[in-house]
Amino acid sequence: MRSPHSDPETHGVQFGRVVVTVDAALGDCIVIAPQPGPICTSPKRMRLNSLDEIRGAYRTQSRLAARVPDQYPHAKDIAAALEFAGKTLSAAQGAKHQPKGQSNA
């Protein structure tokens, strides 16, 4: 099976202008967000390889969105994408580690 990262248009979840793909098998996510440049805006890809990395990036983006939203207009959407990725991976990893015959319900 191909990774969801290979086709973000089909497998990605959009938050404003930010797209996130989550690969539960690899336990990672990729966030694609607009990055203003000197001439034009281009997409920037950020790969986070673990729940710890996702949580750290989420805290940073949440702070930026709250404190300096004018400087980081996409921080709120990035934080929402990271929250989604963290919950998705956490649920997938929790399901993997449950004894047979038990559920999360």
Protein backbone atom coordinates (compact mmCIF):
# COMPACT_ATOMS: atom_id res chain seq x y z
CA MET A 1 0.00 0.00 0.00
CA ARG A 2 1.23 3.48 -0.85
CA SER A 3 1.69 6.09 1.81
CA PRO A 4 -1.00 8.78 2.11
CA HIS A 5 1.87 11.27 1.85
CA SER A 6 2.31 10.40 -1.82
CA ASP A 7 -1.05 12.00 -2.73
CA PRO A 8 -1.99 14.80 -0.32
CA GLU A 9 -4.74 16.07 -2.63
CA THR A 10 -6.63 12.79 -2.20
CA HIS A 11 -5.59 11.68 1.29
CA GLY A 12 -4.96 15.03 2.98
CA VAL A 13 -7.24 16.86 5.36
CA GLN A 14 -7.46 20.61 4.84
CA PHE A 15 -7.52 23.29 7.53
CA GLY A 16 -7.79 26.67 5.81
CA ARG A 17 -4.85 26.71 3.37
CA VAL A 18 -2.98 24.02 5.35
CA VAL A 19 -3.09 20.33 4.40
CA VAL A 20 -2.04 17.42 6.63
CA THR A 21 -1.53 13.78 5.71
CA VAL A 22 -1.22 11.12 8.39
CA ASP A 23 0.42 7.74 7.86
CA ALA A 24 -0.62 5.55 10.79
CA ALA A 25 1.61 2.69 9.60
CA LEU A 26 4.73 4.90 9.81
CA GLY A 27 3.47 6.89 12.80
CA ASP A 28 4.14 10.25 11.17
CA CYS A 29 2.47 13.19 9.48
CA ILE A 30 3.32 15.81 6.89
CA VAL A 31 1.95 19.33 7.12
CA ILE A 32 1.98 21.47 3.98
CA ALA A 33 1.48 25.18 4.66
CA PRO A 34 1.95 28.38 2.65
CA GLN A 35 5.29 30.04 3.35
CA PRO A 36 5.63 33.71 2.37
CA GLY A 37 8.83 34.38 0.46
CA PRO A 38 10.51 37.50 -0.88
CA ILE A 39 8.78 37.19 -4.25
CA CYS A 40 5.84 34.83 -3.80
CA THR A 41 4.23 32.38 -1.41
CA SER A 42 5.23 28.75 -1.81
CA PRO A 43 4.25 25.56 0.01
CA LYS A 44 6.48 24.41 2.85
CA ARG A 45 6.45 20.74 3.91
CA MET A 46 7.06 19.81 7.53
CA ARG A 47 7.41 16.12 8.44
CA LEU A 48 6.89 15.14 12.06
CA ASN A 49 7.99 11.61 12.89
CA SER A 50 6.38 10.95 16.28
CA LEU A 51 3.60 11.98 18.63
CA ASP A 52 6.18 13.84 20.74
CA GLU A 53 7.27 15.93 17.74
CA ILE A 54 3.64 16.61 16.82
CA ARG A 55 2.81 17.72 20.38
CA GLY A 56 5.82 20.04 20.50
CA ALA A 57 5.00 21.61 17.14
CA TYR A 58 1.36 21.97 18.20
CA ARG A 59 2.36 23.90 21.33
CA THR A 60 4.60 26.19 19.29
CA GLN A 61 1.98 26.90 16.62
CA SER A 62 -0.73 27.47 19.24
CA ARG A 63 1.47 30.03 21.00
CA LEU A 64 2.26 31.80 17.73
CA ALA A 65 -1.42 31.91 16.79
CA ALA A 66 -2.33 33.40 20.16
CA ARG A 67 0.54 35.88 20.54
CA VAL A 68 1.47 37.09 17.04
CA PRO A 69 -1.26 36.04 14.58
CA ASP A 70 -0.40 38.88 12.19
CA GLN A 71 3.16 37.58 11.76
CA TYR A 72 2.05 33.93 11.48
CA PRO A 73 -1.35 33.97 9.75
CA HIS A 74 -1.40 30.19 9.20
CA ALA A 75 -0.32 29.17 12.71
CA LYS A 76 -3.91 28.57 13.86
CA ASP A 77 -4.60 26.28 10.89
CA ILE A 78 -1.27 24.46 11.38
CA ALA A 79 -2.15 23.92 15.05
CA ALA A 80 -5.55 22.51 14.06
CA ALA A 81 -3.89 20.19 11.52
CA LEU A 82 -1.39 19.00 14.14
CA GLU A 83 -4.16 18.41 16.67
CA PHE A 84 -5.97 16.27 14.09
CA ALA A 85 -2.77 14.35 13.26
CA GLY A 86 -2.00 13.75 16.92
CA LYS A 87 -5.48 12.44 17.67
CA THR A 88 -5.45 10.22 14.56
CA LEU A 89 -2.05 8.71 15.37
CA SER A 90 -2.86 8.32 19.05
CA ALA A 91 -6.06 6.43 18.21
CA ALA A 92 -4.24 4.23 15.68
CA GLN A 93 -1.43 3.43 18.10
CA GLY A 94 -3.88 2.79 20.93
CA ALA A 95 -5.76 0.30 18.77
CA LYS A 96 -2.50 -1.50 17.93
CA HIS A 97 -1.57 -1.95 21.59
CA GLN A 98 -4.92 -3.23 22.86
CA PRO A 99 -5.28 -6.90 23.77
CA LYS A 100 -7.45 -8.89 21.36
CA GLY A 101 -11.14 -8.75 22.13
CA GLN A 102 -11.02 -5.30 23.78
CA SER A 103 -12.00 -1.98 22.28
CA ASN A 104 -11.60 1.69 23.11
CA ALA A 105 -15.33 2.04 23.82
